[in-house]
Protein backbone atom coordinates (compact mmCIF):
# COMPACT_ATOMS: atom_id res chain seq x y z
CA MET A 1 0.00 0.00 0.00
CA LYS A 2 2.46 2.62 -1.19
CA ASN A 3 0.42 5.81 -1.35
CA SER A 4 -0.23 8.91 0.72
CA GLN A 5 -3.61 7.77 2.00
CA VAL A 6 -3.80 7.17 5.73
CA PRO A 7 -5.03 3.59 6.23
CA ARG A 8 -8.14 2.85 8.27
CA VAL A 9 -7.95 0.03 10.83
CA LEU A 10 -10.74 -1.86 12.59
CA LEU A 11 -9.56 -2.65 16.13
CA VAL A 12 -11.56 -5.16 18.18
CA GLU A 13 -10.71 -5.50 21.89
CA ASP A 14 -13.13 -5.78 24.82
CA ASP A 15 -10.72 -4.73 27.59
CA PRO A 16 -10.75 -0.89 27.87
CA THR A 17 -7.09 -0.54 28.87
CA SER A 18 -5.85 -2.83 26.12
CA ARG A 19 -8.08 -1.07 23.59
CA ALA A 20 -6.75 2.36 24.61
CA PHE A 21 -3.14 1.13 24.34
CA LEU A 22 -3.67 -0.47 20.94
CA THR A 23 -5.55 2.57 19.64
CA ALA A 24 -2.63 4.84 20.56
CA ALA A 25 -0.16 2.41 18.97
CA VAL A 26 -2.11 2.15 15.70
CA GLU A 27 -2.75 5.89 15.44
CA ALA A 28 1.02 6.45 15.57
CA VAL A 29 1.54 4.35 12.37
CA PRO A 30 -0.16 6.76 11.35
CA ALA A 31 -3.63 5.32 10.79
CA GLN A 32 -7.27 6.00 11.54
CA VAL A 33 -8.77 3.64 14.10
CA ASP A 34 -12.35 2.49 14.62
CA GLY A 35 -12.68 0.54 17.86
CA ALA A 36 -15.18 -2.16 18.83
CA ASP A 37 -15.55 -4.16 22.04
CA SER A 38 -17.50 -7.16 20.73
CA LEU A 39 -18.06 -9.33 17.70
CA ALA A 40 -21.48 -7.75 17.13
CA ALA A 41 -20.10 -4.19 17.21
CA ALA A 42 -17.28 -5.17 14.87
CA MET A 43 -19.70 -6.74 12.41
CA ALA A 44 -21.72 -3.52 12.32
CA LEU A 45 -18.61 -1.45 11.59
CA GLY A 46 -17.31 -3.95 9.05
CA ALA A 47 -20.60 -3.80 7.15
CA SER A 48 -20.59 0.00 6.95
CA GLN A 49 -16.94 0.81 6.30
CA ASP A 50 -14.05 -0.51 4.20
CA TYR A 51 -10.83 -1.10 6.14
CA GLN A 52 -7.26 -1.54 4.99
CA LEU A 53 -6.50 -3.81 7.96
CA TRP A 54 -8.24 -5.68 10.78
CA LEU A 55 -6.75 -6.10 14.27
CA PHE A 56 -8.85 -8.58 16.26
CA ASP A 57 -8.66 -9.94 19.78
CA ALA A 58 -8.66 -13.74 19.73
CA HIS A 59 -11.16 -13.88 22.63
CA LEU A 60 -14.33 -11.77 22.62
CA PRO A 61 -17.31 -11.72 25.01
CA ASP A 62 -19.73 -12.87 22.28
CA GLY A 63 -17.47 -15.01 20.12
CA SER A 64 -13.90 -15.26 18.92
CA GLY A 65 -11.55 -13.50 16.56
CA ILE A 66 -11.67 -16.57 14.33
CA ASP A 67 -15.47 -16.35 14.13
CA LEU A 68 -15.31 -12.64 13.35
CA LEU A 69 -12.68 -13.12 10.65
CA ALA A 70 -14.70 -15.86 8.96
CA ARG A 71 -17.84 -13.70 8.87
CA LEU A 72 -16.15 -10.58 7.52
CA ARG A 73 -14.17 -12.58 4.96
CA ARG A 74 -17.45 -13.39 3.16
CA SER A 75 -17.71 -9.81 1.94
CA HIS A 76 -14.07 -8.67 2.26
CA PRO A 77 -11.91 -11.61 1.17
CA ALA A 78 -8.66 -9.68 0.70
CA THR A 79 -8.41 -7.50 3.83
CA PRO A 80 -5.24 -8.37 5.80
CA ALA A 81 -5.81 -9.35 9.44
CA LEU A 82 -3.75 -9.41 12.62
CA ALA A 83 -4.76 -11.29 15.76
CA HIS A 84 -3.76 -10.22 19.27
CA THR A 85 -3.93 -12.40 22.36
CA ALA A 86 -2.45 -12.76 25.82
CA THR A 87 -2.07 -16.50 25.23
CA GLY A 88 1.41 -17.46 24.08
CA GLU A 89 0.84 -21.18 23.46
CA SER A 90 2.04 -22.35 20.04
CA GLU A 91 -1.17 -24.27 19.32
CA VAL A 92 -3.23 -21.10 19.77
CA ARG A 93 -0.99 -19.21 17.36
CA GLU A 94 -1.12 -22.04 14.83
CA ARG A 95 -4.92 -22.15 14.97
CA LEU A 96 -5.17 -18.39 14.42
CA ILE A 97 -2.74 -18.48 11.49
CA ALA A 98 -4.59 -21.43 9.97
CA SER A 99 -7.86 -19.50 10.18
CA GLY A 100 -6.47 -16.68 8.03
CA PHE A 101 -4.63 -14.22 10.29
CA SER A 102 -1.31 -13.10 8.81
CA GLU A 103 0.40 -12.64 12.18
CA VAL A 104 -0.38 -13.13 15.86
CA LEU A 105 0.69 -10.49 18.40
CA VAL A 106 1.10 -11.73 21.97
CA LYS A 107 0.19 -9.15 24.63
CA PRO A 108 1.69 -7.34 26.43
CA LEU A 109 4.00 -6.01 23.76
CA PRO A 110 5.60 -2.66 22.88
CA ALA A 111 3.69 -0.22 20.73
CA ALA A 112 6.57 -0.42 18.24
CA ALA A 113 5.81 -4.12 17.68
CA VAL A 114 2.18 -3.30 16.87
CA ARG A 115 3.19 -0.59 14.44
CA GLY A 116 5.82 -2.83 12.86
CA ALA A 117 3.31 -5.59 12.16
CA ILE A 118 0.83 -3.16 10.63
CA ARG A 119 3.47 -1.55 8.44
CA ARG A 120 4.63 -4.96 7.20
CA LEU A 121 1.14 -5.98 6.14
CA LEU A 122 0.39 -2.63 4.52
CA ASP A 123 3.83 -2.29 2.90
CA LEU A 124 4.56 0.96 4.74
CA PRO A 125 8.06 2.16 5.69
CA ASP A 126 9.22 1.22 9.20
CA CYS A 127 10.24 4.38 11.04
CA ASP A 128 10.80 2.90 14.50
CA VAL A 129 14.08 2.01 16.15
CA PRO A 130 13.88 -1.52 17.61
CA LEU A 131 13.58 -1.58 21.38
CA ALA A 132 15.00 -4.36 23.53
CA ALA A 133 12.56 -6.11 25.83
CA ALA A 134 13.50 -6.07 29.50
CA ALA A 135 12.69 -8.89 31.89
CA ILE A 136 11.33 -8.05 35.34
CA GLU A 137 13.01 -9.84 38.23
CA GLU A 138 10.30 -11.42 40.34
CA ALA A 139 11.91 -10.76 43.69
CA ALA A 140 12.35 -7.05 43.02
CA ALA A 141 9.26 -6.21 40.98
CA PRO A 142 7.88 -2.78 41.91
CA VAL A 143 4.18 -2.10 42.15
CA TRP A 144 4.47 0.32 39.22
CA ASP A 145 7.35 -0.03 36.75
CA ASP A 146 7.65 3.26 34.87
CA ASP A 147 10.44 1.98 32.63
CA THR A 148 8.37 -0.96 31.41
CA ALA A 149 5.39 1.29 30.71
CA ALA A 150 7.61 3.79 28.89
CA ARG A 151 9.06 1.05 26.68
CA ALA A 152 5.58 -0.20 25.83
CA LEU A 153 4.51 3.29 24.75
CA ASN A 154 7.82 4.53 23.34
CA GLY A 155 8.24 7.01 26.19
CA ASN A 156 4.90 8.79 25.79
CA ARG A 157 4.29 9.82 29.41
CA ALA A 158 0.91 11.40 28.66
CA HIS A 159 -0.40 8.10 27.32
CA ILE A 160 1.01 6.25 30.33
CA ALA A 161 -0.89 8.48 32.76
CA THR A 162 -4.12 8.14 30.79
CA LEU A 163 -3.88 4.36 30.53
CA ARG A 164 -3.01 3.95 34.21
CA GLY A 165 -6.01 6.01 35.23
CA LEU A 166 -8.27 3.81 33.13
CA PHE A 167 -6.58 0.65 34.42
CA VAL A 168 -7.02 1.60 38.08
CA GLN A 169 -10.64 2.52 37.44
CA GLU A 170 -11.34 -0.93 35.96
CA LEU A 171 -9.16 -2.95 38.36
CA PRO A 172 -11.64 -3.27 41.28
CA ASN A 173 -14.22 -4.89 38.99
CA ALA A 174 -11.64 -7.27 37.54
CA ARG A 175 -10.44 -8.13 41.04
CA ARG A 176 -13.96 -8.94 42.23
CA SER A 177 -14.64 -11.10 39.19
CA ILE A 178 -11.42 -13.06 39.66
CA LEU A 179 -11.97 -13.64 43.37
CA ALA A 180 -15.58 -14.68 42.79
CA ALA A 181 -14.63 -17.12 40.03
CA ALA A 182 -11.92 -18.63 42.22
CA GLN A 183 -14.25 -19.02 45.19
CA LEU A 184 -16.86 -20.72 42.99
CA GLY A 185 -14.25 -22.97 41.43
CA ASN A 186 -15.15 -21.70 37.97
CA LEU A 187 -11.74 -22.15 36.35
CA ASP A 188 -12.89 -21.18 32.86
CA ALA A 189 -14.16 -17.81 34.09
CA LEU A 190 -11.04 -17.38 36.22
CA ARG A 191 -8.72 -18.00 33.28
CA GLY A 192 -10.70 -15.65 31.08
CA GLU A 193 -10.46 -12.77 33.56
CA LEU A 194 -6.76 -13.39 34.23
CA HIS A 195 -6.09 -13.52 30.49
CA LYS A 196 -7.47 -10.01 29.99
CA LEU A 197 -5.86 -8.54 33.10
CA ARG A 198 -2.39 -9.85 32.28
CA ALA A 199 -2.20 -7.89 29.03
CA SER A 200 -3.42 -4.70 30.67
CA CYS A 201 -0.79 -5.00 33.42
CA GLY A 202 1.95 -5.08 30.81
CA PHE A 203 0.71 -1.98 29.02
CA VAL A 204 0.68 0.18 32.15
CA GLY A 205 3.70 -1.26 33.98
CA ALA A 206 1.75 -2.89 36.84
CA ALA A 207 4.69 -5.23 37.40
CA ARG A 208 3.87 -6.78 40.77
CA LEU A 209 0.28 -7.47 39.80
CA ALA A 210 1.41 -8.94 36.47
CA GLN A 211 3.60 -11.44 38.30
CA ALA A 212 0.77 -12.37 40.66
CA VAL A 213 -1.54 -12.89 37.70
CA GLN A 214 1.00 -15.17 35.99
CA VAL A 215 1.41 -17.24 39.15
CA LEU A 216 -2.36 -17.60 39.58
CA GLN A 217 -2.70 -18.61 35.91
CA ALA A 218 -0.20 -21.41 36.54
CA GLN A 219 -1.73 -22.40 39.92
CA PRO A 220 -5.45 -21.56 39.74
CA ASP A 221 -6.29 -23.92 42.63
CA SER A 222 -3.71 -22.47 45.02
CA ALA A 223 -5.05 -20.44 47.95
CA GLN A 224 -1.61 -18.92 48.39
CA SER A 225 -1.52 -17.76 44.78
CA LEU A 226 -5.00 -16.26 45.14
CA GLU A 227 -3.93 -14.39 48.29
CA ARG A 228 -0.86 -13.10 46.50
CA PHE A 229 -3.02 -11.83 43.65
CA ASP A 230 -5.45 -10.12 46.03
CA ARG A 231 -2.61 -8.44 47.91
CA ALA A 232 -0.95 -7.26 44.70
CA ALA A 233 -4.25 -5.87 43.38
CA GLN A 234 -4.78 -3.88 46.57
CA GLU A 235 -1.21 -2.55 46.50
CA THR A 236 -1.67 -1.50 42.89
CA ILE A 237 -4.85 0.43 43.75
CA ASP A 238 -3.35 1.97 46.90
CA ARG A 239 -0.24 3.23 45.11
CA ALA A 240 -1.94 4.54 42.02
CA GLU A 241 -0.66 7.95 40.99
């Protein structure tokens, strides 16, 4: 797509923090972004507007990214599509690729990685300098890691503050849903809530909570892991800027 027209992207993501992060990343391509939080909303937009690229969450409240792609492909067979997910398992990636997605982005990830994938699919020049990913040491993870958040958003402090405010606003509801699912023994609901929260933690630099989420994902039946998550969530809320 080598022309001066700014591409239009359909972004589908039900988590508000993740959607805000991805919107900022895509707009910096530069591109226009239309956002949707469900399969139904995305179908309505896809029927009324032509897009140069689709960026779909693999898991939606009323379906899946694979379902959405199959439906929109009936009328738009050539539109390139990216999937994004917090699940890093190879079989998930293979299933998404087999369904027609060109690439799969695993959240959390830097904004530069999102822009790079979009530019590759649209044949646009890559203007970003590659950024090295930094691992967070578990024993020393801060409640808020400003460096991690800055890397994710290429140093845009205004976006960091906005996303953190939205994240902290949504966190109490996510916390209640996770604790309720754990107490009821509903592991499917628990995994779904943890899946969404993990990506949001990475975007805003909520390092200690991100670690607690990862531990609980690995040990969903552990009372100790659940207590650690609850404590980290409260610390994250208490120390919000």
